[in-house]
PDB file of N, CA and C in Angstrom:
ATOM      1  N   MET A   1       4.232  10.773   5.135  1.00  0.00           N
ATOM      2  CA  MET A   1       5.169  10.127   4.918  1.00  0.00           C
ATOM      3  C   MET A   1       5.790   9.038   3.537  1.00  0.00           C
ATOM      4  N   ALA A   2       5.033   8.359   3.655  1.00  0.00           N
ATOM      5  CA  ALA A   2       4.940   6.993   2.355  1.00  0.00           C
ATOM      6  C   ALA A   2       4.280   7.849   0.888  1.00  0.00           C
ATOM      7  N   LYS A   3       3.899   8.897   0.912  1.00  0.00           N
ATOM      8  CA  LYS A   3       3.591   9.514  -0.117  1.00  0.00           C
ATOM      9  C   LYS A   3       4.601  10.363  -0.964  1.00  0.00           C
ATOM     10  N   GLY A   4       5.364  10.877   0.504  1.00  0.00           N
ATOM     11  CA  GLY A   4       7.024  11.795  -0.246  1.00  0.00           C
ATOM     12  C   GLY A   4       7.479  11.216  -0.400  1.00  0.00           C
ATOM     13  N   PHE A   5       7.520   9.351   0.134  1.00  0.00           N
ATOM     14  CA  PHE A   5       8.988   8.273  -0.419  1.00  0.00           C
ATOM     15  C   PHE A   5       8.486   8.343  -1.860  1.00  0.00           C
ATOM     16  N   ALA A   6       7.369   7.914  -2.086  1.00  0.00           N
ATOM     17  CA  ALA A   6       6.533   7.134  -3.133  1.00  0.00           C
ATOM     18  C   ALA A   6       7.437   8.261  -4.611  1.00  0.00           C
ATOM     19  N   ALA A   7       6.939   9.367  -4.345  1.00  0.00           N
ATOM     20  CA  ALA A   7       7.262  10.972  -5.142  1.00  0.00           C
ATOM     21  C   ALA A   7       8.589  10.750  -5.386  1.00  0.00           C
ATOM     22  N   ALA A   8       9.546  10.357  -4.675  1.00  0.00           N
ATOM     23  CA  ALA A   8      11.209  10.804  -4.813  1.00  0.00           C
ATOM     24  C   ALA A   8      11.213   9.517  -5.688  1.00  0.00           C
ATOM     25  N   MET A   9      10.747   8.864  -6.116  1.00  0.00           N
ATOM     26  CA  MET A   9      11.392   7.260  -6.276  1.00  0.00           C
ATOM     27  C   MET A   9      10.353   7.206  -8.197  1.00  0.00           C
ATOM     28  N   PRO A  10      11.315   7.336  -8.887  1.00  0.00           N
ATOM     29  CA  PRO A  10      10.677   7.155 -10.031  1.00  0.00           C
ATOM     30  C   PRO A  10       9.565   6.312 -10.733  1.00  0.00           C
ATOM     31  N   LYS A  11      10.365   4.828 -10.188  1.00  0.00           N
ATOM     32  CA  LYS A  11       9.090   3.988 -10.234  1.00  0.00           C
ATOM     33  C   LYS A  11       8.005   3.404  -9.426  1.00  0.00           C
ATOM     34  N   ALA A  12       8.313   4.214  -8.528  1.00  0.00           N
ATOM     35  CA  ALA A  12       7.254   3.897  -7.491  1.00  0.00           C
ATOM     36  C   ALA A  12       6.286   4.562  -7.293  1.00  0.00           C
ATOM     37  N   ARG A  13       5.028   3.881  -6.204  1.00  0.00           N
ATOM     38  CA  ARG A  13       3.682   4.479  -6.518  1.00  0.00           C
ATOM     39  C   ARG A  13       3.353   3.899  -4.687  1.00  0.00           C
ATOM     40  N   PHE A  14       2.493   5.057  -4.396  1.00  0.00           N
ATOM     41  CA  PHE A  14       1.632   4.599  -3.002  1.00  0.00           C
ATOM     42  C   PHE A  14       0.197   4.003  -3.567  1.00  0.00           C
ATOM     43  N   VAL A  15       0.061   2.995  -2.880  1.00  0.00           N
ATOM     44  CA  VAL A  15      -1.140   2.447  -2.479  1.00  0.00           C
ATOM     45  C   VAL A  15      -1.579   2.383  -1.319  1.00  0.00           C
ATOM     46  N   GLY A  16      -2.824   3.234  -1.149  1.00  0.00           N
ATOM     47  CA  GLY A  16      -3.683   3.273   0.230  1.00  0.00           C
ATOM     48  C   GLY A  16      -4.214   2.298   0.754  1.00  0.00           C
ATOM     49  N   VAL A  17      -4.751   1.766   1.846  1.00  0.00           N
ATOM     50  CA  VAL A  17      -5.680   0.587   1.907  1.00  0.00           C
ATOM     51  C   VAL A  17      -6.606   1.426   2.901  1.00  0.00           C
ATOM     52  N   PRO A  18      -8.027   1.898   2.352  1.00  0.00           N
ATOM     53  CA  PRO A  18      -8.959   2.946   3.118  1.00  0.00           C
ATOM     54  C   PRO A  18      -9.374   1.736   4.326  1.00  0.00           C
ATOM     55  N   ASN A  19      -9.798   3.083   5.169  1.00  0.00           N
ATOM     56  CA  ASN A  19     -10.531   2.737   6.679  1.00  0.00           C
ATOM     57  C   ASN A  19      -9.197   1.529   7.529  1.00  0.00           C
ATOM     58  N   THR A  20      -7.883   2.106   7.150  1.00  0.00           N
ATOM     59  CA  THR A  20      -7.094   1.524   7.930  1.00  0.00           C
ATOM     60  C   THR A  20      -6.445   2.531   8.698  1.00  0.00           C
ATOM     61  N   SER A  21      -5.037   1.925   9.765  1.00  0.00           N
ATOM     62  CA  SER A  21      -4.413   2.648  10.218  1.00  0.00           C
ATOM     63  C   SER A  21      -2.608   2.653  10.191  1.00  0.00           C
ATOM     64  N   HIS A  22      -2.550   2.062  10.964  1.00  0.00           N
ATOM     65  CA  HIS A  22      -0.750   1.432  10.968  1.00  0.00           C
ATOM     66  C   HIS A  22      -0.838  -0.200  11.026  1.00  0.00           C
ATOM     67  N   VAL A  23      -1.671  -0.539  10.806  1.00  0.00           N
ATOM     68  CA  VAL A  23      -1.774  -2.675  10.599  1.00  0.00           C
ATOM     69  C   VAL A  23      -2.345  -2.716   9.806  1.00  0.00           C
ATOM     70  N   PRO A  24      -2.871  -2.359   8.095  1.00  0.00           N
ATOM     71  CA  PRO A  24      -3.417  -2.451   7.120  1.00  0.00           C
ATOM     72  C   PRO A  24      -3.955  -3.758   6.829  1.00  0.00           C
ATOM     73  N   HIS A  25      -1.985  -4.709   6.859  1.00  0.00           N
ATOM     74  CA  HIS A  25      -2.651  -6.530   6.948  1.00  0.00           C
ATOM     75  C   HIS A  25      -3.468  -6.964   7.665  1.00  0.00           C
ATOM     76  N   LEU A  26      -3.759  -6.229   8.986  1.00  0.00           N
ATOM     77  CA  LEU A  26      -4.757  -6.925   9.908  1.00  0.00           C
ATOM     78  C   LEU A  26      -5.978  -6.529   9.997  1.00  0.00           C
ATOM     79  N   GLU A  27      -5.800  -4.760   9.703  1.00  0.00           N
ATOM     80  CA  GLU A  27      -7.432  -4.331   9.556  1.00  0.00           C
ATOM     81  C   GLU A  27      -8.125  -4.546   8.084  1.00  0.00           C
ATOM     82  N   SER A  28      -7.570  -5.133   7.182  1.00  0.00           N
ATOM     83  CA  SER A  28      -8.232  -5.115   5.825  1.00  0.00           C
ATOM     84  C   SER A  28      -7.269  -6.038   5.208  1.00  0.00           C
ATOM     85  N   PRO A  29      -7.018  -7.130   5.740  1.00  0.00           N
ATOM     86  CA  PRO A  29      -6.464  -8.207   5.225  1.00  0.00           C
ATOM     87  C   PRO A  29      -6.536  -8.658   3.407  1.00  0.00           C
ATOM     88  N   ALA A  30      -7.880  -8.779   3.314  1.00  0.00           N
ATOM     89  CA  ALA A  30      -8.057  -8.506   1.513  1.00  0.00           C
ATOM     90  C   ALA A  30      -7.734  -7.629   0.637  1.00  0.00           C
ATOM     91  N   ALA A  31      -7.740  -6.799   0.964  1.00  0.00           N
ATOM     92  CA  ALA A  31      -7.503  -4.953   0.428  1.00  0.00           C
ATOM     93  C   ALA A  31      -6.310  -5.298   0.374  1.00  0.00           C
ATOM     94  N   PHE A  32      -5.482  -5.374   1.108  1.00  0.00           N
ATOM     95  CA  PHE A  32      -3.940  -5.951   1.652  1.00  0.00           C
ATOM     96  C   PHE A  32      -3.263  -6.859   0.631  1.00  0.00           C
ATOM     97  N   ASN A  33      -3.925  -7.837   0.885  1.00  0.00           N
ATOM     98  CA  ASN A  33      -3.522  -8.727   0.312  1.00  0.00           C
ATOM     99  C   ASN A  33      -3.167  -8.719  -1.633  1.00  0.00           C
ATOM    100  N   SER A  34      -4.516  -7.967  -1.947  1.00  0.00           N
ATOM    101  CA  SER A  34      -4.777  -7.921  -3.326  1.00  0.00           C
ATOM    102  C   SER A  34      -3.400  -6.595  -3.894  1.00  0.00           C
ATOM    103  N   ALA A  35      -3.456  -5.620  -2.859  1.00  0.00           N
ATOM    104  CA  ALA A  35      -2.706  -4.870  -3.304  1.00  0.00           C
ATOM    105  C   ALA A  35      -1.008  -5.373  -3.450  1.00  0.00           C
ATOM    106  N   VAL A  36      -0.799  -6.173  -2.600  1.00  0.00           N
ATOM    107  CA  VAL A  36       0.750  -7.108  -2.253  1.00  0.00           C
ATOM    108  C   VAL A  36       0.328  -7.806  -3.434  1.00  0.00           C
ATOM    109  N   LEU A  37      -0.640  -8.506  -4.337  1.00  0.00           N
ATOM    110  CA  LEU A  37      -0.563  -9.450  -5.246  1.00  0.00           C
ATOM    111  C   LEU A  37      -0.577  -9.198  -6.650  1.00  0.00           C
ATOM    112  N   GLU A  38      -0.903  -7.390  -6.498  1.00  0.00           N
ATOM    113  CA  GLU A  38      -1.028  -6.728  -7.902  1.00  0.00           C
ATOM    114  C   GLU A  38       0.775  -6.160  -8.135  1.00  0.00           C
ATOM    115  N   PHE A  39       1.319  -6.021  -6.930  1.00  0.00           N
ATOM    116  CA  PHE A  39       2.637  -5.513  -7.089  1.00  0.00           C
ATOM    117  C   PHE A  39       3.444  -6.871  -7.280  1.00  0.00           C
ATOM    118  N   LEU A  40       3.544  -7.919  -7.150  1.00  0.00           N
ATOM    119  CA  LEU A  40       4.134  -8.971  -7.609  1.00  0.00           C
ATOM    120  C   LEU A  40       3.880  -9.375  -8.441  1.00  0.00           C
ATOM    121  N   ARG A  41       3.131  -9.023  -9.147  1.00  0.00           N
ATOM    122  CA  ARG A  41       3.109  -9.653 -10.782  1.00  0.00           C
ATOM    123  C   ARG A  41       3.510  -9.204 -11.687  1.00  0.00           C
TER     124      ARG A  41
END
């Protein structure tokens, strides 16, 4: 579903966090934080 939302928005992109399910911020905090920081910059 998230990939579909990203595809529907011209400036959006989907960033998946490998080896996680519903709580990537808890399951892989370093990868999640890296993706968020890249977005914020």
